[in-house]
């Protein structure tokens, strides 16, 4: 069975996309509806800054079209808490995951983006203990020791947590598979958040995505290079390269 392909951008509520992506006469209240006509998934950054409420997620679920998925970014109170607040952070992770269930059929994976300072394998184990098979989670590491650590990847694989594969000029991409789904992020080809990708730069990722889909794995891919609307253009290109929406 071929896997499902989800692709979109990291966030959608950008004023500088008006005229570039959103029609100038389109009210902001209609942006998500317009966005969902082009993409079948979106990363929500709002939840990184504020813990989501079930009532809010229920509203999002009701307005989402069929087969549309929301990816919620875990609160910074979880991923950026540090060792001293680990007990609280792991509890909040459990609470966060439980709350996402309000999205129903529109619930995608939860993205845990750790800061470059995060290299605590003990803390990682505590987070993993809170993750159950009922929830899909992807983890993005920006610390070299965590990125290149095969033991870390083995821990993720034991819990079916996806090792986030990403494009960032500081590190070469690591095409590691640790779960029954793939999670890919694009932060900018040359400049963080503010540079576009060429088709040649996207092709290795598109090839990998095609292979994993053929192997039955779902693939999630998101573009975080929102400056000047690069994310929109590249995401649409990537959809065509992988094989359609």
Protein backbone atom coordinates (compact mmCIF):
# COMPACT_ATOMS: atom_id res chain seq x y z
CA UNK A 1 0.00 0.00 0.00
CA UNK A 2 1.32 3.44 -0.95
CA UNK A 3 1.71 5.92 1.88
CA UNK A 4 -0.06 9.28 2.12
CA UNK A 5 1.75 12.48 1.21
CA UNK A 6 1.18 15.68 3.18
CA UNK A 7 2.89 18.91 2.20
CA UNK A 8 2.54 22.54 3.17
CA UNK A 9 4.23 25.43 4.91
CA UNK A 10 5.30 26.26 8.44
CA UNK A 11 2.51 28.64 9.32
CA UNK A 12 0.07 30.31 6.95
CA UNK A 13 -0.86 33.64 8.55
CA UNK A 14 1.75 35.90 6.97
CA UNK A 15 0.81 39.42 5.96
CA UNK A 16 3.69 39.56 3.47
CA UNK A 17 2.06 36.73 1.49
CA UNK A 18 -0.79 39.05 0.49
CA UNK A 19 -0.45 39.72 -3.22
CA UNK A 20 2.13 36.95 -3.51
CA UNK A 21 -0.15 34.08 -2.44
CA UNK A 22 -3.34 35.45 -0.94
CA UNK A 23 -5.48 37.72 -3.14
CA UNK A 24 -5.32 41.32 -1.93
CA UNK A 25 -9.09 41.49 -1.44
CA UNK A 26 -9.29 38.24 0.54
CA UNK A 27 -10.18 38.83 4.22
CA UNK A 28 -7.79 37.31 6.73
CA UNK A 29 -10.60 35.12 8.07
CA UNK A 30 -10.58 33.31 4.71
CA UNK A 31 -6.84 32.70 4.49
CA UNK A 32 -6.92 29.17 5.88
CA UNK A 33 -9.75 28.22 3.54
CA UNK A 34 -7.75 29.54 0.57
CA UNK A 35 -4.57 27.86 1.82
CA UNK A 36 -6.31 24.49 2.11
CA UNK A 37 -7.25 24.62 -1.57
CA UNK A 38 -3.53 24.44 -2.40
CA UNK A 39 -2.12 22.33 0.43
CA UNK A 40 -3.37 19.42 2.52
CA UNK A 41 -1.46 20.17 5.71
CA UNK A 42 0.02 23.01 7.74
CA UNK A 43 2.41 23.41 10.65
CA UNK A 44 0.91 25.55 13.41
CA UNK A 45 3.52 27.72 15.15
CA UNK A 46 0.97 29.36 17.46
CA UNK A 47 1.09 26.37 19.82
CA UNK A 48 4.83 26.85 20.34
CA UNK A 49 4.08 30.10 22.16
CA UNK A 50 0.78 29.21 23.80
CA UNK A 51 -0.61 25.87 24.99
CA UNK A 52 -3.64 24.95 22.87
CA UNK A 53 -7.15 24.70 24.25
CA UNK A 54 -9.42 21.82 23.28
CA UNK A 55 -12.17 24.26 22.29
CA UNK A 56 -9.82 25.99 19.85
CA UNK A 57 -8.74 22.72 18.28
CA UNK A 58 -12.34 21.60 17.93
CA UNK A 59 -13.06 24.80 15.98
CA UNK A 60 -10.05 24.21 13.74
CA UNK A 61 -11.23 20.67 13.11
CA UNK A 62 -14.68 21.84 12.06
CA UNK A 63 -13.39 24.29 9.45
CA UNK A 64 -10.81 21.91 7.97
CA UNK A 65 -11.62 20.28 4.63
CA UNK A 66 -11.59 16.52 4.23
CA UNK A 67 -8.14 14.89 4.45
CA UNK A 68 -6.52 18.08 5.79
CA UNK A 69 -4.03 17.69 8.66
CA UNK A 70 -2.81 20.11 11.31
CA UNK A 71 0.69 19.66 12.68
CA UNK A 72 1.02 21.33 16.07
CA UNK A 73 4.43 22.50 17.21
CA UNK A 74 4.98 21.51 20.84
CA UNK A 75 5.09 24.35 23.35
CA UNK A 76 8.47 25.87 24.15
CA UNK A 77 7.62 25.17 27.80
CA UNK A 78 8.19 21.53 26.83
CA UNK A 79 11.14 21.61 24.45
CA UNK A 80 13.04 24.60 25.84
CA UNK A 81 12.48 24.04 29.55
CA UNK A 82 15.87 22.70 30.58
CA UNK A 83 16.75 19.98 33.08
CA UNK A 84 15.52 21.93 36.12
CA UNK A 85 11.93 21.87 34.83
CA UNK A 86 12.02 18.39 33.32
CA UNK A 87 9.24 16.92 35.45
CA UNK A 88 6.92 19.77 34.53
CA UNK A 89 7.95 19.60 30.86
CA UNK A 90 7.23 15.89 30.54
CA UNK A 91 3.83 16.36 32.18
CA UNK A 92 3.06 19.19 29.76
CA UNK A 93 4.03 16.93 26.86
CA UNK A 94 1.52 14.33 28.03
CA UNK A 95 -1.11 17.07 28.37
CA UNK A 96 -0.25 18.56 24.98
CA UNK A 97 -0.56 15.21 23.22
CA UNK A 98 -3.85 14.50 24.94
CA UNK A 99 -5.22 17.90 23.92
CA UNK A 100 -4.39 17.33 20.24
CA UNK A 101 -6.97 14.54 20.17
CA UNK A 102 -9.61 17.29 19.88
CA UNK A 103 -8.55 17.66 16.24
CA UNK A 104 -10.06 14.27 15.48
CA UNK A 105 -9.38 13.01 11.96
CA UNK A 106 -7.46 16.22 11.20
CA UNK A 107 -4.76 15.48 13.78
CA UNK A 108 -1.30 15.09 12.31
CA UNK A 109 1.99 14.45 14.12
CA UNK A 110 3.21 16.74 16.90
CA UNK A 111 6.51 18.43 16.10
CA UNK A 112 9.01 18.76 18.94
CA UNK A 113 11.69 21.23 17.85
CA UNK A 114 14.55 21.25 20.34
CA UNK A 115 17.01 24.16 20.63
CA UNK A 116 20.71 23.84 19.72
CA UNK A 117 21.50 23.67 23.44
CA UNK A 118 19.52 20.45 23.90
CA UNK A 119 21.88 17.48 24.19
CA UNK A 120 20.43 15.78 27.27
CA UNK A 121 19.82 12.10 26.53
CA UNK A 122 18.32 11.55 29.98
CA UNK A 123 15.74 14.23 29.27
CA UNK A 124 15.09 12.66 25.88
CA UNK A 125 14.33 9.33 27.55
CA UNK A 126 11.89 11.04 29.93
CA UNK A 127 10.07 12.65 27.00
CA UNK A 128 9.91 9.36 25.12
CA UNK A 129 8.33 7.68 28.14
CA UNK A 130 5.35 10.03 27.76
CA UNK A 131 4.72 9.14 24.11
CA UNK A 132 2.22 6.36 23.41
CA UNK A 133 1.37 4.54 20.15
CA UNK A 134 -1.79 6.66 19.94
CA UNK A 135 0.24 9.76 19.06
CA UNK A 136 2.59 10.46 16.20
CA UNK A 137 5.55 12.62 17.19
CA UNK A 138 8.50 13.97 15.19
CA UNK A 139 11.61 15.31 16.90
CA UNK A 140 13.91 17.91 15.37
CA UNK A 141 17.39 18.18 16.87
CA UNK A 142 19.68 21.13 16.22
CA UNK A 143 22.57 19.91 18.35
CA UNK A 144 25.23 18.02 16.39
CA UNK A 145 25.76 15.42 19.12
CA UNK A 146 22.06 14.53 19.00
CA UNK A 147 21.83 14.65 15.22
CA UNK A 148 24.72 12.28 14.66
CA UNK A 149 24.04 9.94 17.60
CA UNK A 150 22.92 6.49 16.44
CA UNK A 151 21.85 5.66 19.99
CA UNK A 152 19.43 8.58 19.91
CA UNK A 153 17.93 7.31 16.66
CA UNK A 154 17.59 3.83 18.14
CA UNK A 155 15.67 5.28 21.09
CA UNK A 156 13.32 7.08 18.71
CA UNK A 157 12.78 3.92 16.69
CA UNK A 158 11.75 1.99 19.81
CA UNK A 159 8.89 4.48 20.30
CA UNK A 160 8.05 4.96 16.61
CA UNK A 161 9.07 8.63 16.86
CA UNK A 162 10.18 10.17 13.58
CA UNK A 163 13.67 11.66 13.34
CA UNK A 164 13.03 14.99 11.61
CA UNK A 165 15.04 15.24 8.41
CA UNK A 166 15.73 18.83 7.52
CA UNK A 167 17.52 21.16 5.17
CA UNK A 168 19.58 23.82 6.89
CA UNK A 169 22.89 25.26 5.76
CA UNK A 170 24.58 24.47 9.10
CA UNK A 171 24.20 20.69 8.79
CA UNK A 172 23.94 18.28 5.87
CA UNK A 173 20.63 16.38 5.83
CA UNK A 174 20.56 13.01 7.57
CA UNK A 175 18.08 10.69 5.88
CA UNK A 176 17.38 8.54 8.93
CA UNK A 177 14.21 6.44 9.24
CA UNK A 178 13.02 5.77 12.79
CA UNK A 179 9.24 5.49 12.40
CA UNK A 180 6.46 4.33 10.10
CA UNK A 181 6.16 7.91 8.82
CA UNK A 182 8.67 10.44 7.51
CA UNK A 183 8.93 14.08 8.58
CA UNK A 184 10.91 16.62 6.50
CA UNK A 185 11.43 20.36 7.02
CA UNK A 186 13.03 22.98 4.79
CA UNK A 187 14.48 26.04 6.54
CA UNK A 188 16.04 27.77 3.53
CA UNK A 189 18.62 26.74 0.97
CA UNK A 190 21.31 29.29 1.83
CA UNK A 191 19.86 31.80 4.28
CA UNK A 192 17.71 30.70 7.21
CA UNK A 193 14.01 31.30 6.43
CA UNK A 194 14.83 33.68 3.58
CA UNK A 195 16.15 31.79 0.57
CA UNK A 196 14.51 29.73 -2.14
CA UNK A 197 15.34 26.20 -3.28
CA UNK A 198 16.18 25.22 -6.83
CA UNK A 199 14.67 22.07 -8.30
CA UNK A 200 18.12 20.46 -8.15
CA UNK A 201 18.34 21.18 -4.41
CA UNK A 202 14.88 19.70 -3.83
CA UNK A 203 15.39 16.55 -5.90
CA UNK A 204 17.29 14.44 -3.30
CA UNK A 205 14.45 15.04 -0.84
CA UNK A 206 11.79 14.37 -3.48
CA UNK A 207 13.48 11.12 -4.47
CA UNK A 208 13.63 10.03 -0.83
CA UNK A 209 9.97 10.95 -0.33
CA UNK A 210 8.89 8.98 -3.40
CA UNK A 211 10.80 5.93 -2.19
CA UNK A 212 9.28 6.07 1.28
CA UNK A 213 5.75 6.55 -0.05
CA UNK A 214 6.22 3.53 -2.31
CA UNK A 215 7.32 1.61 0.77
CA UNK A 216 4.02 2.42 2.46
CA UNK A 217 5.16 5.20 4.78
CA UNK A 218 3.27 8.47 5.13
CA UNK A 219 5.44 11.49 4.34
CA UNK A 220 5.05 14.97 5.83
CA UNK A 221 7.04 17.85 4.32
CA UNK A 222 6.97 21.52 5.31
CA UNK A 223 8.70 24.65 4.09
CA UNK A 224 9.80 27.19 6.67
CA UNK A 225 11.40 29.70 4.28
CA UNK A 226 8.43 32.06 4.48
CA UNK A 227 10.25 35.26 3.46
CA UNK A 228 8.98 36.65 0.14
CA UNK A 229 6.64 33.68 -0.16
CA UNK A 230 9.46 31.28 -1.02
CA UNK A 231 7.79 28.58 1.09
CA UNK A 232 4.65 28.62 -1.03
CA UNK A 233 6.51 28.36 -4.33
CA UNK A 234 8.82 25.61 -3.12
CA UNK A 235 6.03 23.60 -1.49
CA UNK A 236 4.01 23.64 -4.72
CA UNK A 237 7.11 22.57 -6.65
CA UNK A 238 7.80 19.79 -4.17
CA UNK A 239 4.25 18.47 -4.49
CA UNK A 240 4.69 18.22 -8.26
CA UNK A 241 8.08 16.53 -7.87
CA UNK A 242 6.84 13.94 -5.41
CA UNK A 243 3.71 13.14 -7.33
CA UNK A 244 0.81 15.44 -6.60
CA UNK A 245 -1.34 16.52 -3.68
